[in-house]
Amino acid sequence: MKVLFTPTARRQFLEAVTYIYQDNPTAAVSFRKRAEQTLSRLKKFPESGRLIPEFPDLPYREVILKPYRFFYKVKDKNVWVVAVWHCAQIPNEPL
């Protein structure tokens, strides 16, 4: 199983890292490493993320790396990260 990012999710992740970097470069590097480690675990345990509380009936899950939420879906032996949002954002229903 692979962990892949949609183009939108990749952009959102890089924007988050850039935003953190502006205030604290060390924290940005730490956040990126934690994200890589956490998302890497999804290769073996793709269902380990929780269902999205706002949309429990949808086939999406999330992992939280404060202060960001990584939304993903398992499809065709891949884990697709579809969005990366700050925890203060209220998610819209995914398409």
PDB file of N, CA and C in Angstrom:
ATOM      1  N   MET A   1       0.849  -1.179   0.000  1.00  0.00           N
ATOM      2  CA  MET A   1       0.000   0.000   0.000  1.00  0.00           C
ATOM      3  C   MET A   1       0.893   1.241   0.000  1.00  0.00           C
ATOM      4  N   LYS A   2       0.474   2.239  -0.768  1.00  0.00           N
ATOM      5  CA  LYS A   2       1.207   3.501  -0.846  1.00  0.00           C
ATOM      6  C   LYS A   2       0.367   4.619  -0.244  1.00  0.00           C
ATOM      7  N   VAL A   3       1.045   5.652   0.240  1.00  0.00           N
ATOM      8  CA  VAL A   3       0.367   6.870   0.684  1.00  0.00           C
ATOM      9  C   VAL A   3       0.657   7.930  -0.378  1.00  0.00           C
ATOM     10  N   LEU A   4      -0.404   8.428  -0.976  1.00  0.00           N
ATOM     11  CA  LEU A   4      -0.292   9.415  -2.044  1.00  0.00           C
ATOM     12  C   LEU A   4      -1.114  10.652  -1.683  1.00  0.00           C
ATOM     13  N   PHE A   5      -0.709  11.783  -2.226  1.00  0.00           N
ATOM     14  CA  PHE A   5      -1.426  13.036  -2.023  1.00  0.00           C
ATOM     15  C   PHE A   5      -2.109  13.440  -3.322  1.00  0.00           C
ATOM     16  N   THR A   6      -3.340  13.918  -3.210  1.00  0.00           N
ATOM     17  CA  THR A   6      -3.943  14.578  -4.364  1.00  0.00           C
ATOM     18  C   THR A   6      -3.196  15.897  -4.554  1.00  0.00           C
ATOM     19  N   PRO A   7      -3.255  16.498  -5.732  1.00  0.00           N
ATOM     20  CA  PRO A   7      -2.566  17.779  -5.917  1.00  0.00           C
ATOM     21  C   PRO A   7      -3.011  18.843  -4.898  1.00  0.00           C
ATOM     22  N   THR A   8      -4.286  18.884  -4.595  1.00  0.00           N
ATOM     23  CA  THR A   8      -4.792  19.866  -3.632  1.00  0.00           C
ATOM     24  C   THR A   8      -4.222  19.614  -2.244  1.00  0.00           C
ATOM     25  N   ALA A   9      -4.222  18.365  -1.819  1.00  0.00           N
ATOM     26  CA  ALA A   9      -3.700  18.036  -0.492  1.00  0.00           C
ATOM     27  C   ALA A   9      -2.203  18.328  -0.400  1.00  0.00           C
ATOM     28  N   ARG A  10      -1.459  18.031  -1.458  1.00  0.00           N
ATOM     29  CA  ARG A  10      -0.022  18.335  -1.449  1.00  0.00           C
ATOM     30  C   ARG A  10       0.202  19.835  -1.297  1.00  0.00           C
ATOM     31  N   ARG A  11      -0.567  20.619  -2.034  1.00  0.00           N
ATOM     32  CA  ARG A  11      -0.436  22.078  -1.937  1.00  0.00           C
ATOM     33  C   ARG A  11      -0.763  22.541  -0.521  1.00  0.00           C
ATOM     34  N   GLN A  12      -1.832  22.017   0.052  1.00  0.00           N
ATOM     35  CA  GLN A  12      -2.229  22.411   1.406  1.00  0.00           C
ATOM     36  C   GLN A  12      -1.162  22.032   2.430  1.00  0.00           C
ATOM     37  N   PHE A  13      -0.578  20.850   2.274  1.00  0.00           N
ATOM     38  CA  PHE A  13       0.470  20.414   3.192  1.00  0.00           C
ATOM     39  C   PHE A  13       1.693  21.324   3.089  1.00  0.00           C
ATOM     40  N   LEU A  14       2.115  21.606   1.871  1.00  0.00           N
ATOM     41  CA  LEU A  14       3.286  22.475   1.694  1.00  0.00           C
ATOM     42  C   LEU A  14       3.007  23.895   2.186  1.00  0.00           C
ATOM     43  N   GLU A  15       1.789  24.374   2.016  1.00  0.00           N
ATOM     44  CA  GLU A  15       1.424  25.692   2.551  1.00  0.00           C
ATOM     45  C   GLU A  15       1.486  25.688   4.077  1.00  0.00           C
ATOM     46  N   ALA A  16       1.054  24.604   4.700  1.00  0.00           N
ATOM     47  CA  ALA A  16       1.110  24.503   6.164  1.00  0.00           C
ATOM     48  C   ALA A  16       2.549  24.516   6.640  1.00  0.00           C
ATOM     49  N   VAL A  17       3.405  23.742   5.989  1.00  0.00           N
ATOM     50  CA  VAL A  17       4.821  23.707   6.364  1.00  0.00           C
ATOM     51  C   VAL A  17       5.454  25.089   6.180  1.00  0.00           C
ATOM     52  N   THR A  18       5.138  25.744   5.092  1.00  0.00           N
ATOM     53  CA  THR A  18       5.669  27.082   4.821  1.00  0.00           C
ATOM     54  C   THR A  18       5.195  28.077   5.872  1.00  0.00           C
ATOM     55  N   TYR A  19       3.938  28.000   6.237  1.00  0.00           N
ATOM     56  CA  TYR A  19       3.380  28.903   7.241  1.00  0.00           C
ATOM     57  C   TYR A  19       4.098  28.720   8.582  1.00  0.00           C
ATOM     58  N   ILE A  20       4.266  27.476   8.995  1.00  0.00           N
ATOM     59  CA  ILE A  20       4.958  27.199  10.263  1.00  0.00           C
ATOM     60  C   ILE A  20       6.407  27.673  10.177  1.00  0.00           C
ATOM     61  N   TYR A  21       7.031  27.462   9.035  1.00  0.00           N
ATOM     62  CA  TYR A  21       8.441  27.820   8.837  1.00  0.00           C
ATOM     63  C   TYR A  21       8.688  29.311   9.029  1.00  0.00           C
ATOM     64  N   GLN A  22       7.735  30.125   8.629  1.00  0.00           N
ATOM     65  CA  GLN A  22       7.895  31.581   8.745  1.00  0.00           C
ATOM     66  C   GLN A  22       8.130  32.010  10.179  1.00  0.00           C
ATOM     67  N   ASP A  23       7.478  31.357  11.116  1.00  0.00           N
ATOM     68  CA  ASP A  23       7.630  31.711  12.528  1.00  0.00           C
ATOM     69  C   ASP A  23       8.689  30.882  13.235  1.00  0.00           C
ATOM     70  N   ASN A  24       8.839  29.614  12.818  1.00  0.00           N
ATOM     71  CA  ASN A  24       9.726  28.718  13.549  1.00  0.00           C
ATOM     72  C   ASN A  24      10.219  27.614  12.611  1.00  0.00           C
ATOM     73  N   PRO A  25      11.364  27.812  11.962  1.00  0.00           N
ATOM     74  CA  PRO A  25      11.872  26.807  11.024  1.00  0.00           C
ATOM     75  C   PRO A  25      12.056  25.424  11.653  1.00  0.00           C
ATOM     76  N   THR A  26      12.502  25.374  12.890  1.00  0.00           N
ATOM     77  CA  THR A  26      12.697  24.088  13.557  1.00  0.00           C
ATOM     78  C   THR A  26      11.369  23.355  13.724  1.00  0.00           C
ATOM     79  N   ALA A  27      10.336  24.090  14.106  1.00  0.00           N
ATOM     80  CA  ALA A  27       9.006  23.490  14.266  1.00  0.00           C
ATOM     81  C   ALA A  27       8.477  22.986  12.927  1.00  0.00           C
ATOM     82  N   ALA A  28       8.772  23.685  11.849  1.00  0.00           N
ATOM     83  CA  ALA A  28       8.312  23.263  10.523  1.00  0.00           C
ATOM     84  C   ALA A  28       8.952  21.933  10.129  1.00  0.00           C
ATOM     85  N   VAL A  29      10.248  21.812  10.377  1.00  0.00           N
ATOM     86  CA  VAL A  29      10.940  20.549  10.067  1.00  0.00           C
ATOM     87  C   VAL A  29      10.376  19.421  10.927  1.00  0.00           C
ATOM     88  N   SER A  30      10.150  19.706  12.191  1.00  0.00           N
ATOM     89  CA  SER A  30       9.586  18.712  13.105  1.00  0.00           C
ATOM     90  C   SER A  30       8.190  18.282  12.659  1.00  0.00           C
ATOM     91  N   PHE A  31       7.358  19.246  12.278  1.00  0.00           N
ATOM     92  CA  PHE A  31       6.001  18.948  11.821  1.00  0.00           C
ATOM     93  C   PHE A  31       6.042  18.060  10.580  1.00  0.00           C
ATOM     94  N   ARG A  32       6.918  18.386   9.640  1.00  0.00           N
ATOM     95  CA  ARG A  32       7.009  17.593   8.407  1.00  0.00           C
ATOM     96  C   ARG A  32       7.448  16.158   8.714  1.00  0.00           C
ATOM     97  N   LYS A  33       8.421  15.999   9.602  1.00  0.00           N
ATOM     98  CA  LYS A  33       8.881  14.650   9.963  1.00  0.00           C
ATOM     99  C   LYS A  33       7.776  13.863  10.667  1.00  0.00           C
ATOM    100  N   ARG A  34       7.066  14.522  11.589  1.00  0.00           N
ATOM    101  CA  ARG A  34       5.961  13.841  12.282  1.00  0.00           C
ATOM    102  C   ARG A  34       4.878  13.436  11.300  1.00  0.00           C
ATOM    103  N   ALA A  35       4.595  14.302  10.337  1.00  0.00           N
ATOM    104  CA  ALA A  35       3.580  13.986   9.327  1.00  0.00           C
ATOM    105  C   ALA A  35       4.017  12.781   8.499  1.00  0.00           C
ATOM    106  N   GLU A  36       5.268  12.764   8.080  1.00  0.00           N
ATOM    107  CA  GLU A  36       5.763  11.641   7.286  1.00  0.00           C
ATOM    108  C   GLU A  36       5.683  10.333   8.075  1.00  0.00           C
ATOM    109  N   GLN A  37       6.051  10.367   9.355  1.00  0.00           N
ATOM    110  CA  GLN A  37       5.999   9.163  10.190  1.00  0.00           C
ATOM    111  C   GLN A  37       4.561   8.683  10.387  1.00  0.00           C
ATOM    112  N   THR A  38       3.694   9.608  10.715  1.00  0.00           N
ATOM    113  CA  THR A  38       2.300   9.247  10.962  1.00  0.00           C
ATOM    114  C   THR A  38       1.638   8.705   9.704  1.00  0.00           C
ATOM    115  N   LEU A  39       1.835   9.384   8.587  1.00  0.00           N
ATOM    116  CA  LEU A  39       1.218   8.943   7.343  1.00  0.00           C
ATOM    117  C   LEU A  39       1.824   7.624   6.862  1.00  0.00           C
ATOM    118  N   SER A  40       3.089   7.412   7.140  1.00  0.00           N
ATOM    119  CA  SER A  40       3.736   6.161   6.764  1.00  0.00           C
ATOM    120  C   SER A  40       3.090   4.960   7.456  1.00  0.00           C
ATOM    121  N   ARG A  41       2.637   5.147   8.688  1.00  0.00           N
ATOM    122  CA  ARG A  41       1.963   4.059   9.411  1.00  0.00           C
ATOM    123  C   ARG A  41       0.685   3.611   8.702  1.00  0.00           C
ATOM    124  N   LEU A  42       0.088   4.513   7.926  1.00  0.00           N
ATOM    125  CA  LEU A  42      -1.141   4.162   7.211  1.00  0.00           C
ATOM    126  C   LEU A  42      -0.894   3.103   6.141  1.00  0.00           C
ATOM    127  N   LYS A  43       0.359   2.925   5.733  1.00  0.00           N
ATOM    128  CA  LYS A  43       0.668   1.881   4.754  1.00  0.00           C
ATOM    129  C   LYS A  43       0.300   0.505   5.298  1.00  0.00           C
ATOM    130  N   LYS A  44       0.561   0.282   6.577  1.00  0.00           N
ATOM    131  CA  LYS A  44       0.264  -1.008   7.197  1.00  0.00           C
ATOM    132  C   LYS A  44      -1.104  -1.023   7.873  1.00  0.00           C
ATOM    133  N   PHE A  45      -1.523   0.137   8.348  1.00  0.00           N
ATOM    134  CA  PHE A  45      -2.768   0.225   9.108  1.00  0.00           C
ATOM    135  C   PHE A  45      -3.660   1.333   8.537  1.00  0.00           C
ATOM    136  N   PRO A  46      -4.173   1.138   7.338  1.00  0.00           N
ATOM    137  CA  PRO A  46      -4.924   2.221   6.687  1.00  0.00           C
ATOM    138  C   PRO A  46      -6.222   2.603   7.394  1.00  0.00           C
ATOM    139  N   GLU A  47      -6.777   1.715   8.173  1.00  0.00           N
ATOM    140  CA  GLU A  47      -8.024   2.021   8.869  1.00  0.00           C
ATOM    141  C   GLU A  47      -7.779   2.587  10.266  1.00  0.00           C
ATOM    142  N   SER A  48      -6.533   2.910  10.587  1.00  0.00           N
ATOM    143  CA  SER A  48      -6.209   3.361  11.939  1.00  0.00           C
ATOM    144  C   SER A  48      -6.648   4.800  12.229  1.00  0.00           C
ATOM    145  N   GLY A  49      -6.854   5.584  11.190  1.00  0.00           N
ATOM    146  CA  GLY A  49      -7.375   6.924  11.409  1.00  0.00           C
ATOM    147  C   GLY A  49      -8.841   6.859  11.805  1.00  0.00           C
ATOM    148  N   ARG A  50      -9.302   7.907  12.442  1.00  0.00           N
ATOM    149  CA  ARG A  50     -10.703   7.889  12.876  1.00  0.00           C
ATOM    150  C   ARG A  50     -11.611   8.377  11.752  1.00  0.00           C
ATOM    151  N   LEU A  51     -12.869   7.968  11.837  1.00  0.00           N
ATOM    152  CA  LEU A  51     -13.861   8.514  10.919  1.00  0.00           C
ATOM    153  C   LEU A  51     -13.984  10.003  11.188  1.00  0.00           C
ATOM    154  N   ILE A  52     -14.294  10.761  10.177  1.00  0.00           N
ATOM    155  CA  ILE A  52     -14.426  12.204  10.346  1.00  0.00           C
ATOM    156  C   ILE A  52     -15.710  12.464  11.130  1.00  0.00           C
ATOM    157  N   PRO A  53     -15.601  13.051  12.327  1.00  0.00           N
ATOM    158  CA  PRO A  53     -16.787  13.217  13.178  1.00  0.00           C
ATOM    159  C   PRO A  53     -17.926  13.974  12.498  1.00  0.00           C
ATOM    160  N   GLU A  54     -17.585  14.946  11.670  1.00  0.00           N
ATOM    161  CA  GLU A  54     -18.621  15.745  11.008  1.00  0.00           C
ATOM    162  C   GLU A  54     -19.361  14.946   9.929  1.00  0.00           C
ATOM    163  N   PHE A  55     -18.720  13.885   9.412  1.00  0.00           N
ATOM    164  CA  PHE A  55     -19.298  13.094   8.325  1.00  0.00           C
ATOM    165  C   PHE A  55     -19.030  11.602   8.556  1.00  0.00           C
ATOM    166  N   PRO A  56     -19.568  11.021   9.607  1.00  0.00           N
ATOM    167  CA  PRO A  56     -19.235   9.634   9.958  1.00  0.00           C
ATOM    168  C   PRO A  56     -19.718   8.590   8.950  1.00  0.00           C
ATOM    169  N   ASP A  57     -20.653   8.942   8.094  1.00  0.00           N
ATOM    170  CA  ASP A  57     -21.175   7.975   7.129  1.00  0.00           C
ATOM    171  C   ASP A  57     -20.378   7.944   5.820  1.00  0.00           C
ATOM    172  N   LEU A  58     -19.435   8.851   5.668  1.00  0.00           N
ATOM    173  CA  LEU A  58     -18.639   8.885   4.439  1.00  0.00           C
ATOM    174  C   LEU A  58     -17.409   7.993   4.588  1.00  0.00           C
ATOM    175  N   PRO A  59     -16.855   7.538   3.470  1.00  0.00           N
ATOM    176  CA  PRO A  59     -15.710   6.612   3.522  1.00  0.00           C
ATOM    177  C   PRO A  59     -14.357   7.309   3.701  1.00  0.00           C
ATOM    178  N   TYR A  60     -14.348   8.421   4.401  1.00  0.00           N
ATOM    179  CA  TYR A  60     -13.112   9.162   4.641  1.00  0.00           C
ATOM    180  C   TYR A  60     -12.717   9.023   6.103  1.00  0.00           C
ATOM    181  N   ARG A  61     -11.423   9.121   6.340  1.00  0.00           N
ATOM    182  CA  ARG A  61     -10.876   9.066   7.697  1.00  0.00           C
ATOM    183  C   ARG A  61      -9.937  10.247   7.869  1.00  0.00           C
ATOM    184  N   GLU A  62      -9.464  10.409   9.098  1.00  0.00           N
ATOM    185  CA  GLU A  62      -8.516  11.486   9.345  1.00  0.00           C
ATOM    186  C   GLU A  62      -7.500  11.062  10.395  1.00  0.00           C
ATOM    187  N   VAL A  63      -6.334  11.689  10.295  1.00  0.00           N
ATOM    188  CA  VAL A  63      -5.351  11.632  11.366  1.00  0.00           C
ATOM    189  C   VAL A  63      -5.054  13.082  11.731  1.00  0.00           C
ATOM    190  N   ILE A  64      -4.846  13.299  13.003  1.00  0.00           N
ATOM    191  CA  ILE A  64      -4.618  14.663  13.476  1.00  0.00           C
ATOM    192  C   ILE A  64      -3.173  14.789  13.919  1.00  0.00           C
ATOM    193  N   LEU A  65      -2.514  15.793  13.390  1.00  0.00           N
ATOM    194  CA  LEU A  65      -1.178  16.211  13.814  1.00  0.00           C
ATOM    195  C   LEU A  65      -1.339  17.681  14.158  1.00  0.00           C
ATOM    196  N   LYS A  66      -1.640  17.933  15.389  1.00  0.00           N
ATOM    197  CA  LYS A  66      -1.971  19.299  15.796  1.00  0.00           C
ATOM    198  C   LYS A  66      -0.919  20.275  15.309  1.00  0.00           C
ATOM    199  N   PRO A  67      -1.390  21.354  14.714  1.00  0.00           N
ATOM    200  CA  PRO A  67      -2.768  21.813  14.634  1.00  0.00           C
ATOM    201  C   PRO A  67      -3.448  21.503  13.300  1.00  0.00           C
ATOM    202  N   TYR A  68      -3.056  20.407  12.627  1.00  0.00           N
ATOM    203  CA  TYR A  68      -3.624  20.090  11.316  1.00  0.00           C
ATOM    204  C   TYR A  68      -4.304  18.732  11.305  1.00  0.00           C
ATOM    205  N   ARG A  69      -5.307  18.639  10.430  1.00  0.00           N
ATOM    206  CA  ARG A  69      -6.045  17.395  10.205  1.00  0.00           C
ATOM    207  C   ARG A  69      -5.726  16.937   8.785  1.00  0.00           C
ATOM    208  N   PHE A  70      -5.382  15.659   8.653  1.00  0.00           N
ATOM    209  CA  PHE A  70      -5.106  15.059   7.357  1.00  0.00           C
ATOM    210  C   PHE A  70      -6.273  14.129   7.030  1.00  0.00           C
ATOM    211  N   PHE A  71      -7.031  14.476   6.013  1.00  0.00           N
ATOM    212  CA  PHE A  71      -8.182  13.688   5.593  1.00  0.00           C
ATOM    213  C   PHE A  71      -7.740  12.735   4.484  1.00  0.00           C
ATOM    214  N   TYR A  72      -8.183  11.474   4.570  1.00  0.00           N
ATOM    215  CA  TYR A  72      -7.757  10.513   3.560  1.00  0.00           C
ATOM    216  C   TYR A  72      -8.839   9.488   3.269  1.00  0.00           C
ATOM    217  N   LYS A  73      -8.611   8.785   2.161  1.00  0.00           N
ATOM    218  CA  LYS A  73      -9.514   7.722   1.731  1.00  0.00           C
ATOM    219  C   LYS A  73      -8.651   6.569   1.212  1.00  0.00           C
ATOM    220  N   VAL A  74      -9.045   5.360   1.529  1.00  0.00           N
ATOM    221  CA  VAL A  74      -8.352   4.178   1.025  1.00  0.00           C
ATOM    222  C   VAL A  74      -9.050   3.753  -0.262  1.00  0.00           C
ATOM    223  N   LYS A  75      -8.250   3.619  -1.328  1.00  0.00           N
ATOM    224  CA  LYS A  75      -8.834   3.238  -2.616  1.00  0.00           C
ATOM    225  C   LYS A  75      -7.782   2.515  -3.451  1.00  0.00           C
ATOM    226  N   ASP A  76      -8.144   1.339  -3.960  1.00  0.00           N
ATOM    227  CA  ASP A  76      -7.271   0.577  -4.861  1.00  0.00           C
ATOM    228  C   ASP A  76      -5.867   0.378  -4.299  1.00  0.00           C
ATOM    229  N   LYS A  77      -5.779  -0.116  -3.077  1.00  0.00           N
ATOM    230  CA  LYS A  77      -4.502  -0.396  -2.422  1.00  0.00           C
ATOM    231  C   LYS A  77      -3.639   0.847  -2.219  1.00  0.00           C
ATOM    232  N   ASN A  78      -4.267   2.005  -2.209  1.00  0.00           N
ATOM    233  CA  ASN A  78      -3.567   3.260  -1.934  1.00  0.00           C
ATOM    234  C   ASN A  78      -4.315   4.034  -0.863  1.00  0.00           C
ATOM    235  N   VAL A  79      -3.566   4.773  -0.093  1.00  0.00           N
ATOM    236  CA  VAL A  79      -4.137   5.728   0.853  1.00  0.00           C
ATOM    237  C   VAL A  79      -3.988   7.089   0.193  1.00  0.00           C
ATOM    238  N   TRP A  80      -5.093   7.718  -0.126  1.00  0.00           N
ATOM    239  CA  TRP A  80      -5.079   9.020  -0.786  1.00  0.00           C
ATOM    240  C   TRP A  80      -5.369  10.115   0.237  1.00  0.00           C
ATOM    241  N   VAL A  81      -4.384  10.943   0.513  1.00  0.00           N
ATOM    242  CA  VAL A  81      -4.608  12.119   1.346  1.00  0.00           C
ATOM    243  C   VAL A  81      -5.298  13.129   0.443  1.00  0.00           C
ATOM    244  N   VAL A  82      -6.507  13.531   0.847  1.00  0.00           N
ATOM    245  CA  VAL A  82      -7.315  14.395  -0.022  1.00  0.00           C
ATOM    246  C   VAL A  82      -7.361  15.838   0.448  1.00  0.00           C
ATOM    247  N   ALA A  83      -7.013  16.080   1.721  1.00  0.00           N
ATOM    248  CA  ALA A  83      -7.032  17.454   2.233  1.00  0.00           C
ATOM    249  C   ALA A  83      -6.203  17.542   3.511  1.00  0.00           C
ATOM    250  N   VAL A  84      -5.637  18.720   3.731  1.00  0.00           N
ATOM    251  CA  VAL A  84      -4.893  19.024   4.952  1.00  0.00           C
ATOM    252  C   VAL A  84      -5.410  20.372   5.429  1.00  0.00           C
ATOM    253  N   TRP A  85      -6.104  20.355   6.563  1.00  0.00           N
ATOM    254  CA  TRP A  85      -6.732  21.571   7.070  1.00  0.00           C
ATOM    255  C   TRP A  85      -6.276  21.855   8.483  1.00  0.00           C
ATOM    256  N   HIS A  86      -6.244  23.118   8.802  1.00  0.00           N
ATOM    257  CA  HIS A  86      -5.978  23.534  10.182  1.00  0.00           C
ATOM    258  C   HIS A  86      -7.170  23.091  11.034  1.00  0.00           C
ATOM    259  N   CYS A  87      -6.895  22.690  12.256  1.00  0.00           N
ATOM    260  CA  CYS A  87      -7.975  22.194  13.131  1.00  0.00           C
ATOM    261  C   CYS A  87      -9.073  23.224  13.379  1.00  0.00           C
ATOM    262  N   ALA A  88      -8.777  24.499  13.204  1.00  0.00           N
ATOM    263  CA  ALA A  88      -9.794  25.532  13.418  1.00  0.00           C
ATOM    264  C   ALA A  88     -10.790  25.612  12.258  1.00  0.00           C
ATOM    265  N   GLN A  89     -10.438  25.023  11.109  1.00  0.00           N
ATOM    266  CA  GLN A  89     -11.339  25.043   9.963  1.00  0.00           C
ATOM    267  C   GLN A  89     -12.436  24.002  10.143  1.00  0.00           C
ATOM    268  N   ILE A  90     -13.624  24.331   9.695  1.00  0.00           N
ATOM    269  CA  ILE A  90     -14.736  23.384   9.717  1.00  0.00           C
ATOM    270  C   ILE A  90     -14.833  22.785   8.325  1.00  0.00           C
ATOM    271  N   PRO A  91     -14.662  21.460   8.210  1.00  0.00           N
ATOM    272  CA  PRO A  91     -14.636  20.857   6.879  1.00  0.00           C
ATOM    273  C   PRO A  91     -15.992  20.846   6.202  1.00  0.00           C
ATOM    274  N   ASN A  92     -15.950  21.011   4.886  1.00  0.00           N
ATOM    275  CA  ASN A  92     -17.128  20.822   4.042  1.00  0.00           C
ATOM    276  C   ASN A  92     -17.188  19.352   3.676  1.00  0.00           C
ATOM    277  N   GLU A  93     -18.343  18.883   3.310  1.00  0.00           N
ATOM    278  CA  GLU A  93     -18.467  17.494   2.884  1.00  0.00           C
ATOM    279  C   GLU A  93     -17.613  17.275   1.648  1.00  0.00           C
ATOM    280  N   PRO A  94     -16.739  16.237   1.659  1.00  0.00           N
ATOM    281  CA  PRO A  94     -15.896  15.964   0.483  1.00  0.00           C
ATOM    282  C   PRO A  94     -16.752  15.545  -0.709  1.00  0.00           C
ATOM    283  N   LEU A  95     -16.221  15.808  -1.882  1.00  0.00           N
ATOM    284  CA  LEU A  95     -16.942  15.415  -3.112  1.00  0.00           C
ATOM    285  C   LEU A  95     -16.628  13.998  -3.463  1.00  0.00           C
TER     286      LEU A  95
END
